[in-house]
């Protein structure tokens, strides 16, 4: 067999950790920041189960989980910021 799932997981894990949460935070497309970590996690799990070499799949899985946590934290921060601005009267 090959390492295709592990490679895909690692690529999406690196991309989502580097800039996926920024894309989700600053683009007006809802939930786009959750797609890249989810793909990394799914292919990481598939890669651990099916691939011969598990190293890249495990790395992609870990990066996907870390990135998903970052996306949740950024979303919570922006929600808290918007609610605070509405409480101060800065937003209608």
PDB file of N, CA and C in Angstrom:
ATOM      1  N   UNK A   1       0.835  -1.181   0.000  1.00  0.00           N
ATOM      2  CA  UNK A   1       0.000   0.000   0.000  1.00  0.00           C
ATOM      3  C   UNK A   1       0.879   1.242   0.000  1.00  0.00           C
ATOM      4  N   UNK A   2       0.243   2.384   0.030  1.00  0.00           N
ATOM      5  CA  UNK A   2       0.993   3.625  -0.075  1.00  0.00           C
ATOM      6  C   UNK A   2       0.721   4.535   1.116  1.00  0.00           C
ATOM      7  N   UNK A   3       1.292   5.704   1.068  1.00  0.00           N
ATOM      8  CA  UNK A   3       1.121   6.706   2.117  1.00  0.00           C
ATOM      9  C   UNK A   3       0.219   7.844   1.678  1.00  0.00           C
ATOM     10  N   UNK A   4      -0.671   7.614   0.738  1.00  0.00           N
ATOM     11  CA  UNK A   4      -1.465   8.693   0.171  1.00  0.00           C
ATOM     12  C   UNK A   4      -2.318   9.386   1.222  1.00  0.00           C
ATOM     13  N   UNK A   5      -2.986   8.634   2.054  1.00  0.00           N
ATOM     14  CA  UNK A   5      -3.831   9.244   3.087  1.00  0.00           C
ATOM     15  C   UNK A   5      -3.001  10.031   4.100  1.00  0.00           C
ATOM     16  N   UNK A   6      -1.845   9.521   4.449  1.00  0.00           N
ATOM     17  CA  UNK A   6      -0.968  10.242   5.365  1.00  0.00           C
ATOM     18  C   UNK A   6      -0.446  11.538   4.766  1.00  0.00           C
ATOM     19  N   UNK A   7      -0.118  11.505   3.477  1.00  0.00           N
ATOM     20  CA  UNK A   7       0.366  12.714   2.796  1.00  0.00           C
ATOM     21  C   UNK A   7      -0.737  13.759   2.727  1.00  0.00           C
ATOM     22  N   UNK A   8      -1.958  13.344   2.370  1.00  0.00           N
ATOM     23  CA  UNK A   8      -3.082  14.276   2.303  1.00  0.00           C
ATOM     24  C   UNK A   8      -3.362  14.867   3.684  1.00  0.00           C
ATOM     25  N   UNK A   9      -3.324  14.033   4.702  1.00  0.00           N
ATOM     26  CA  UNK A   9      -3.549  14.499   6.065  1.00  0.00           C
ATOM     27  C   UNK A   9      -2.487  15.510   6.491  1.00  0.00           C
ATOM     28  N   UNK A  10      -1.248  15.219   6.176  1.00  0.00           N
ATOM     29  CA  UNK A  10      -0.166  16.128   6.550  1.00  0.00           C
ATOM     30  C   UNK A  10      -0.263  17.448   5.806  1.00  0.00           C
ATOM     31  N   UNK A  11      -0.587  17.419   4.521  1.00  0.00           N
ATOM     32  CA  UNK A  11      -0.718  18.650   3.742  1.00  0.00           C
ATOM     33  C   UNK A  11      -1.841  19.516   4.297  1.00  0.00           C
ATOM     34  N   UNK A  12      -3.009  18.921   4.521  1.00  0.00           N
ATOM     35  CA  UNK A  12      -4.120  19.699   5.053  1.00  0.00           C
ATOM     36  C   UNK A  12      -3.861  20.127   6.491  1.00  0.00           C
ATOM     37  N   UNK A  13      -3.152  19.335   7.266  1.00  0.00           N
ATOM     38  CA  UNK A  13      -2.813  19.725   8.627  1.00  0.00           C
ATOM     39  C   UNK A  13      -1.888  20.922   8.667  1.00  0.00           C
ATOM     40  N   UNK A  14      -0.869  20.919   7.813  1.00  0.00           N
ATOM     41  CA  UNK A  14       0.056  22.056   7.749  1.00  0.00           C
ATOM     42  C   UNK A  14      -0.662  23.296   7.253  1.00  0.00           C
ATOM     43  N   UNK A  15      -1.459  23.145   6.193  1.00  0.00           N
ATOM     44  CA  UNK A  15      -2.178  24.300   5.643  1.00  0.00           C
ATOM     45  C   UNK A  15      -3.159  24.869   6.652  1.00  0.00           C
ATOM     46  N   UNK A  16      -3.894  24.001   7.324  1.00  0.00           N
ATOM     47  CA  UNK A  16      -4.889  24.498   8.272  1.00  0.00           C
ATOM     48  C   UNK A  16      -4.236  25.144   9.481  1.00  0.00           C
ATOM     49  N   UNK A  17      -3.102  24.639   9.905  1.00  0.00           N
ATOM     50  CA  UNK A  17      -2.418  25.245  11.049  1.00  0.00           C
ATOM     51  C   UNK A  17      -1.806  26.590  10.666  1.00  0.00           C
ATOM     52  N   UNK A  18      -1.266  26.685   9.461  1.00  0.00           N
ATOM     53  CA  UNK A  18      -0.624  27.934   9.044  1.00  0.00           C
ATOM     54  C   UNK A  18      -1.625  29.032   8.719  1.00  0.00           C
ATOM     55  N   UNK A  19      -2.616  28.710   7.902  1.00  0.00           N
ATOM     56  CA  UNK A  19      -3.498  29.787   7.459  1.00  0.00           C
ATOM     57  C   UNK A  19      -4.972  29.420   7.394  1.00  0.00           C
ATOM     58  N   UNK A  20      -5.345  28.219   7.746  1.00  0.00           N
ATOM     59  CA  UNK A  20      -6.745  27.836   7.675  1.00  0.00           C
ATOM     60  C   UNK A  20      -7.626  28.598   8.645  1.00  0.00           C
ATOM     61  N   UNK A  21      -7.132  28.849   9.858  1.00  0.00           N
ATOM     62  CA  UNK A  21      -7.935  29.577  10.832  1.00  0.00           C
ATOM     63  C   UNK A  21      -8.034  31.052  10.466  1.00  0.00           C
ATOM     64  N   UNK A  22      -7.035  31.581   9.770  1.00  0.00           N
ATOM     65  CA  UNK A  22      -7.127  32.967   9.288  1.00  0.00           C
ATOM     66  C   UNK A  22      -8.178  33.095   8.201  1.00  0.00           C
ATOM     67  N   UNK A  23      -8.222  32.093   7.312  1.00  0.00           N
ATOM     68  CA  UNK A  23      -9.223  32.101   6.252  1.00  0.00           C
ATOM     69  C   UNK A  23     -10.611  32.035   6.865  1.00  0.00           C
ATOM     70  N   UNK A  24     -10.794  31.201   7.861  1.00  0.00           N
ATOM     71  CA  UNK A  24     -12.087  31.076   8.506  1.00  0.00           C
ATOM     72  C   UNK A  24     -12.474  32.307   9.304  1.00  0.00           C
ATOM     73  N   UNK A  25     -11.500  33.021   9.807  1.00  0.00           N
ATOM     74  CA  UNK A  25     -11.800  34.182  10.639  1.00  0.00           C
ATOM     75  C   UNK A  25     -12.084  35.436   9.828  1.00  0.00           C
ATOM     76  N   UNK A  26     -11.406  35.615   8.699  1.00  0.00           N
ATOM     77  CA  UNK A  26     -11.493  36.882   7.998  1.00  0.00           C
ATOM     78  C   UNK A  26     -12.276  36.844   6.694  1.00  0.00           C
ATOM     79  N   UNK A  27     -12.635  35.686   6.203  1.00  0.00           N
ATOM     80  CA  UNK A  27     -13.482  35.618   5.022  1.00  0.00           C
ATOM     81  C   UNK A  27     -14.935  35.538   5.448  1.00  0.00           C
ATOM     82  N   UNK A  28     -15.822  36.118   4.681  1.00  0.00           N
ATOM     83  CA  UNK A  28     -17.236  36.088   5.074  1.00  0.00           C
ATOM     84  C   UNK A  28     -17.925  34.752   4.812  1.00  0.00           C
ATOM     85  N   UNK A  29     -17.172  33.733   4.422  1.00  0.00           N
ATOM     86  CA  UNK A  29     -17.749  32.413   4.179  1.00  0.00           C
ATOM     87  C   UNK A  29     -17.790  31.667   5.509  1.00  0.00           C
ATOM     88  N   UNK A  30     -18.986  31.341   5.998  1.00  0.00           N
ATOM     89  CA  UNK A  30     -19.051  30.693   7.312  1.00  0.00           C
ATOM     90  C   UNK A  30     -18.515  29.266   7.291  1.00  0.00           C
ATOM     91  N   UNK A  31     -17.860  28.878   8.325  1.00  0.00           N
ATOM     92  CA  UNK A  31     -17.379  27.527   8.591  1.00  0.00           C
ATOM     93  C   UNK A  31     -16.293  27.041   7.635  1.00  0.00           C
ATOM     94  N   UNK A  32     -15.679  27.901   6.834  1.00  0.00           N
ATOM     95  CA  UNK A  32     -14.617  27.448   5.928  1.00  0.00           C
ATOM     96  C   UNK A  32     -13.369  27.059   6.725  1.00  0.00           C
ATOM     97  N   UNK A  33     -13.163  27.669   7.885  1.00  0.00           N
ATOM     98  CA  UNK A  33     -12.004  27.339   8.700  1.00  0.00           C
ATOM     99  C   UNK A  33     -12.083  25.981   9.360  1.00  0.00           C
ATOM    100  N   UNK A  34     -13.278  25.392   9.407  1.00  0.00           N
ATOM    101  CA  UNK A  34     -13.443  24.081  10.009  1.00  0.00           C
ATOM    102  C   UNK A  34     -13.225  22.947   9.006  1.00  0.00           C
ATOM    103  N   UNK A  35     -13.247  23.262   7.724  1.00  0.00           N
ATOM    104  CA  UNK A  35     -13.156  22.223   6.696  1.00  0.00           C
ATOM    105  C   UNK A  35     -11.752  21.638   6.626  1.00  0.00           C
ATOM    106  N   UNK A  36     -10.728  22.476   6.612  1.00  0.00           N
ATOM    107  CA  UNK A  36      -9.363  21.993   6.455  1.00  0.00           C
ATOM    108  C   UNK A  36      -8.899  21.116   7.624  1.00  0.00           C
ATOM    109  N   UNK A  37      -9.143  21.521   8.883  1.00  0.00           N
ATOM    110  CA  UNK A  37      -8.753  20.612   9.970  1.00  0.00           C
ATOM    111  C   UNK A  37      -9.553  19.311   9.963  1.00  0.00           C
ATOM    112  N   UNK A  38     -10.821  19.397   9.568  1.00  0.00           N
ATOM    113  CA  UNK A  38     -11.637  18.183   9.523  1.00  0.00           C
ATOM    114  C   UNK A  38     -11.104  17.199   8.488  1.00  0.00           C
ATOM    115  N   UNK A  39     -10.692  17.706   7.333  1.00  0.00           N
ATOM    116  CA  UNK A  39     -10.116  16.840   6.301  1.00  0.00           C
ATOM    117  C   UNK A  39      -8.812  16.219   6.797  1.00  0.00           C
ATOM    118  N   UNK A  40      -7.998  17.009   7.489  1.00  0.00           N
ATOM    119  CA  UNK A  40      -6.741  16.477   8.033  1.00  0.00           C
ATOM    120  C   UNK A  40      -7.002  15.392   9.063  1.00  0.00           C
ATOM    121  N   UNK A  41      -7.996  15.587   9.911  1.00  0.00           N
ATOM    122  CA  UNK A  41      -8.311  14.592  10.940  1.00  0.00           C
ATOM    123  C   UNK A  41      -8.865  13.320  10.307  1.00  0.00           C
ATOM    124  N   UNK A  42      -9.771  13.470   9.351  1.00  0.00           N
ATOM    125  CA  UNK A  42     -10.383  12.298   8.711  1.00  0.00           C
ATOM    126  C   UNK A  42      -9.343  11.476   7.957  1.00  0.00           C
ATOM    127  N   UNK A  43      -8.515  12.148   7.144  1.00  0.00           N
ATOM    128  CA  UNK A  43      -7.498  11.410   6.401  1.00  0.00           C
ATOM    129  C   UNK A  43      -6.398  10.882   7.319  1.00  0.00           C
ATOM    130  N   UNK A  44      -6.160  11.548   8.452  1.00  0.00           N
ATOM    131  CA  UNK A  44      -5.197  11.030   9.418  1.00  0.00           C
ATOM    132  C   UNK A  44      -5.666   9.725  10.036  1.00  0.00           C
ATOM    133  N   UNK A  45      -6.943   9.670  10.374  1.00  0.00           N
ATOM    134  CA  UNK A  45      -7.491   8.432  10.940  1.00  0.00           C
ATOM    135  C   UNK A  45      -7.485   7.319   9.899  1.00  0.00           C
ATOM    136  N   UNK A  46      -7.894   7.651   8.677  1.00  0.00           N
ATOM    137  CA  UNK A  46      -7.877   6.648   7.604  1.00  0.00           C
ATOM    138  C   UNK A  46      -6.450   6.187   7.332  1.00  0.00           C
ATOM    139  N   UNK A  47      -5.497   7.122   7.361  1.00  0.00           N
ATOM    140  CA  UNK A  47      -4.103   6.774   7.126  1.00  0.00           C
ATOM    141  C   UNK A  47      -3.521   5.887   8.202  1.00  0.00           C
ATOM    142  N   UNK A  48      -3.925   6.119   9.452  1.00  0.00           N
ATOM    143  CA  UNK A  48      -3.447   5.257  10.541  1.00  0.00           C
ATOM    144  C   UNK A  48      -3.985   3.839  10.375  1.00  0.00           C
ATOM    145  N   UNK A  49      -5.217   3.738   9.927  1.00  0.00           N
ATOM    146  CA  UNK A  49      -5.829   2.419   9.763  1.00  0.00           C
ATOM    147  C   UNK A  49      -5.299   1.688   8.539  1.00  0.00           C
ATOM    148  N   UNK A  50      -5.174   2.383   7.396  1.00  0.00           N
ATOM    149  CA  UNK A  50      -4.909   1.700   6.132  1.00  0.00           C
ATOM    150  C   UNK A  50      -3.464   1.760   5.636  1.00  0.00           C
ATOM    151  N   UNK A  51      -2.732   2.825   5.937  1.00  0.00           N
ATOM    152  CA  UNK A  51      -1.403   2.987   5.350  1.00  0.00           C
ATOM    153  C   UNK A  51      -0.368   2.107   6.055  1.00  0.00           C
ATOM    154  N   UNK A  52       0.716   1.851   5.325  1.00  0.00           N
ATOM    155  CA  UNK A  52       1.815   1.074   5.894  1.00  0.00           C
ATOM    156  C   UNK A  52       2.612   1.897   6.902  1.00  0.00           C
ATOM    157  N   UNK A  53       2.976   3.104   6.508  1.00  0.00           N
ATOM    158  CA  UNK A  53       3.735   3.987   7.383  1.00  0.00           C
ATOM    159  C   UNK A  53       2.764   4.953   8.065  1.00  0.00           C
ATOM    160  N   UNK A  54       2.794   4.991   9.377  1.00  0.00           N
ATOM    161  CA  UNK A  54       1.822   5.781  10.119  1.00  0.00           C
ATOM    162  C   UNK A  54       2.335   7.169  10.506  1.00  0.00           C
ATOM    163  N   UNK A  55       3.587   7.469  10.258  1.00  0.00           N
ATOM    164  CA  UNK A  55       4.185   8.707  10.746  1.00  0.00           C
ATOM    165  C   UNK A  55       3.526   9.960  10.213  1.00  0.00           C
ATOM    166  N   UNK A  56       3.346  10.049   8.908  1.00  0.00           N
ATOM    167  CA  UNK A  56       2.729  11.236   8.325  1.00  0.00           C
ATOM    168  C   UNK A  56       1.265  11.345   8.701  1.00  0.00           C
ATOM    169  N   UNK A  57       0.578  10.225   8.814  1.00  0.00           N
ATOM    170  CA  UNK A  57      -0.829  10.246   9.198  1.00  0.00           C
ATOM    171  C   UNK A  57      -0.996  10.740  10.631  1.00  0.00           C
ATOM    172  N   UNK A  58      -0.125  10.304  11.521  1.00  0.00           N
ATOM    173  CA  UNK A  58      -0.187  10.750  12.915  1.00  0.00           C
ATOM    174  C   UNK A  58       0.134  12.242  13.008  1.00  0.00           C
ATOM    175  N   UNK A  59       1.139  12.679  12.258  1.00  0.00           N
ATOM    176  CA  UNK A  59       1.497  14.101  12.259  1.00  0.00           C
ATOM    177  C   UNK A  59       0.355  14.956  11.723  1.00  0.00           C
ATOM    178  N   UNK A  60      -0.267  14.522  10.638  1.00  0.00           N
ATOM    179  CA  UNK A  60      -1.402  15.254  10.082  1.00  0.00           C
ATOM    180  C   UNK A  60      -2.582  15.276  11.032  1.00  0.00           C
ATOM    181  N   UNK A  61      -2.815  14.164  11.718  1.00  0.00           N
ATOM    182  CA  UNK A  61      -3.901  14.089  12.698  1.00  0.00           C
ATOM    183  C   UNK A  61      -3.662  15.058  13.852  1.00  0.00           C
ATOM    184  N   UNK A  62      -2.459  15.098  14.354  1.00  0.00           N
ATOM    185  CA  UNK A  62      -2.135  16.000  15.464  1.00  0.00           C
ATOM    186  C   UNK A  62      -2.243  17.461  15.017  1.00  0.00           C
ATOM    187  N   UNK A  63      -1.721  17.788  13.837  1.00  0.00           N
ATOM    188  CA  UNK A  63      -1.827  19.155  13.335  1.00  0.00           C
ATOM    189  C   UNK A  63      -3.280  19.547  13.095  1.00  0.00           C
ATOM    190  N   UNK A  64      -4.094  18.619  12.610  1.00  0.00           N
ATOM    191  CA  UNK A  64      -5.516  18.898  12.401  1.00  0.00           C
ATOM    192  C   UNK A  64      -6.238  19.177  13.709  1.00  0.00           C
ATOM    193  N   UNK A  65      -5.924  18.406  14.740  1.00  0.00           N
ATOM    194  CA  UNK A  65      -6.557  18.618  16.048  1.00  0.00           C
ATOM    195  C   UNK A  65      -6.134  19.958  16.642  1.00  0.00           C
ATOM    196  N   UNK A  66      -4.851  20.278  16.566  1.00  0.00           N
ATOM    197  CA  UNK A  66      -4.367  21.562  17.074  1.00  0.00           C
ATOM    198  C   UNK A  66      -5.006  22.712  16.309  1.00  0.00           C
ATOM    199  N   UNK A  67      -5.107  22.575  15.002  1.00  0.00           N
ATOM    200  CA  UNK A  67      -5.710  23.619  14.191  1.00  0.00           C
ATOM    201  C   UNK A  67      -7.189  23.783  14.493  1.00  0.00           C
ATOM    202  N   UNK A  68      -7.888  22.684  14.730  1.00  0.00           N
ATOM    203  CA  UNK A  68      -9.309  22.760  15.072  1.00  0.00           C
ATOM    204  C   UNK A  68      -9.508  23.489  16.403  1.00  0.00           C
ATOM    205  N   UNK A  69      -8.621  23.246  17.348  1.00  0.00           N
ATOM    206  CA  UNK A  69      -8.683  23.959  18.625  1.00  0.00           C
ATOM    207  C   UNK A  69      -8.446  25.453  18.412  1.00  0.00           C
ATOM    208  N   UNK A  70      -7.484  25.795  17.549  1.00  0.00           N
ATOM    209  CA  UNK A  70      -7.216  27.208  17.240  1.00  0.00           C
ATOM    210  C   UNK A  70      -8.418  27.865  16.577  1.00  0.00           C
ATOM    211  N   UNK A  71      -9.088  27.164  15.673  1.00  0.00           N
ATOM    212  CA  UNK A  71     -10.268  27.716  15.007  1.00  0.00           C
ATOM    213  C   UNK A  71     -11.368  27.978  16.025  1.00  0.00           C
ATOM    214  N   UNK A  72     -11.593  27.042  16.951  1.00  0.00           N
ATOM    215  CA  UNK A  72     -12.601  27.248  17.981  1.00  0.00           C
ATOM    216  C   UNK A  72     -12.259  28.443  18.864  1.00  0.00           C
ATOM    217  N   UNK A  73     -10.980  28.597  19.217  1.00  0.00           N
ATOM    218  CA  UNK A  73     -10.575  29.717  20.060  1.00  0.00           C
ATOM    219  C   UNK A  73     -10.734  31.051  19.347  1.00  0.00           C
ATOM    220  N   UNK A  74     -10.364  31.105  18.065  1.00  0.00           N
ATOM    221  CA  UNK A  74     -10.518  32.340  17.297  1.00  0.00           C
ATOM    222  C   UNK A  74     -11.988  32.688  17.133  1.00  0.00           C
ATOM    223  N   UNK A  75     -12.827  31.691  16.869  1.00  0.00           N
ATOM    224  CA  UNK A  75     -14.266  31.948  16.732  1.00  0.00           C
ATOM    225  C   UNK A  75     -14.851  32.452  18.052  1.00  0.00           C
ATOM    226  N   UNK A  76     -14.440  31.876  19.164  1.00  0.00           N
ATOM    227  CA  UNK A  76     -14.929  32.319  20.468  1.00  0.00           C
ATOM    228  C   UNK A  76     -14.447  33.731  20.778  1.00  0.00           C
ATOM    229  N   UNK A  77     -13.220  34.042  20.399  1.00  0.00           N
ATOM    230  CA  UNK A  77     -12.681  35.381  20.625  1.00  0.00           C
ATOM    231  C   UNK A  77     -13.456  36.418  19.830  1.00  0.00           C
ATOM    232  N   UNK A  78     -13.732  36.137  18.561  1.00  0.00           N
ATOM    233  CA  UNK A  78     -14.487  37.083  17.742  1.00  0.00           C
ATOM    234  C   UNK A  78     -15.924  37.220  18.231  1.00  0.00           C
ATOM    235  N   UNK A  79     -16.531  36.134  18.681  1.00  0.00           N
ATOM    236  CA  UNK A  79     -17.879  36.210  19.220  1.00  0.00           C
ATOM    237  C   UNK A  79     -17.900  37.053  20.489  1.00  0.00           C
ATOM    238  N   UNK A  80     -16.922  36.866  21.357  1.00  0.00           N
ATOM    239  CA  UNK A  80     -16.846  37.667  22.580  1.00  0.00           C
ATOM    240  C   UNK A  80     -16.596  39.135  22.255  1.00  0.00           C
ATOM    241  N   UNK A  81     -15.782  39.401  21.251  1.00  0.00           N
ATOM    242  CA  UNK A  81     -15.516  40.779  20.843  1.00  0.00           C
ATOM    243  C   UNK A  81     -16.776  41.436  20.294  1.00  0.00           C
ATOM    244  N   UNK A  82     -17.518  40.731  19.471  1.00  0.00           N
ATOM    245  CA  UNK A  82     -18.751  41.295  18.912  1.00  0.00           C
ATOM    246  C   UNK A  82     -19.784  41.525  20.011  1.00  0.00           C
ATOM    247  N   UNK A  83     -19.923  40.582  20.929  1.00  0.00           N
ATOM    248  CA  UNK A  83     -20.869  40.765  22.023  1.00  0.00           C
ATOM    249  C   UNK A  83     -20.464  41.914  22.938  1.00  0.00           C
ATOM    250  N   UNK A  84     -19.175  42.097  23.160  1.00  0.00           N
ATOM    251  CA  UNK A  84     -18.709  43.208  23.989  1.00  0.00           C
ATOM    252  C   UNK A  84     -18.966  44.531  23.295  1.00  0.00           C
ATOM    253  N   UNK A  85     -18.776  44.582  21.976  1.00  0.00           N
ATOM    254  CA  UNK A  85     -19.035  45.810  21.242  1.00  0.00           C
ATOM    255  C   UNK A  85     -20.531  46.141  21.214  1.00  0.00           C
ATOM    256  N   UNK A  86     -21.364  45.123  21.158  1.00  0.00           N
ATOM    257  CA  UNK A  86     -22.809  45.363  21.198  1.00  0.00           C
ATOM    258  C   UNK A  86     -23.235  45.851  22.574  1.00  0.00           C
ATOM    259  N   UNK A  87     -22.578  45.379  23.612  1.00  0.00           N
ATOM    260  CA  UNK A  87     -22.888  45.816  24.968  1.00  0.00           C
ATOM    261  C   UNK A  87     -22.476  47.250  25.235  1.00  0.00           C
ATOM    262  N   UNK A  88     -21.400  47.699  24.561  1.00  0.00           N
ATOM    263  CA  UNK A  88     -20.951  49.073  24.736  1.00  0.00           C
ATOM    264  C   UNK A  88     -21.708  50.049  23.854  1.00  0.00           C
ATOM    265  N   UNK A  89     -22.506  49.541  22.945  1.00  0.00           N
ATOM    266  CA  UNK A  89     -23.247  50.416  22.042  1.00  0.00           C
ATOM    267  C   UNK A  89     -22.494  50.770  20.796  1.00  0.00           C
ATOM    268  N   UNK A  90     -21.371  50.104  20.537  1.00  0.00           N
ATOM    269  CA  UNK A  90     -20.589  50.416  19.337  1.00  0.00           C
ATOM    270  C   UNK A  90     -21.221  49.836  18.083  1.00  0.00           C
ATOM    271  N   UNK A  91     -21.989  48.769  18.255  1.00  0.00           N
ATOM    272  CA  UNK A  91     -22.691  48.157  17.133  1.00  0.00           C
ATOM    273  C   UNK A  91     -24.194  48.322  17.323  1.00  0.00           C
ATOM    274  N   UNK A  92     -24.926  48.495  16.238  1.00  0.00           N
ATOM    275  CA  UNK A  92     -26.397  48.653  16.378  1.00  0.00           C
ATOM    276  C   UNK A  92     -27.081  47.368  16.779  1.00  0.00           C
TER     277      UNK A  92
END
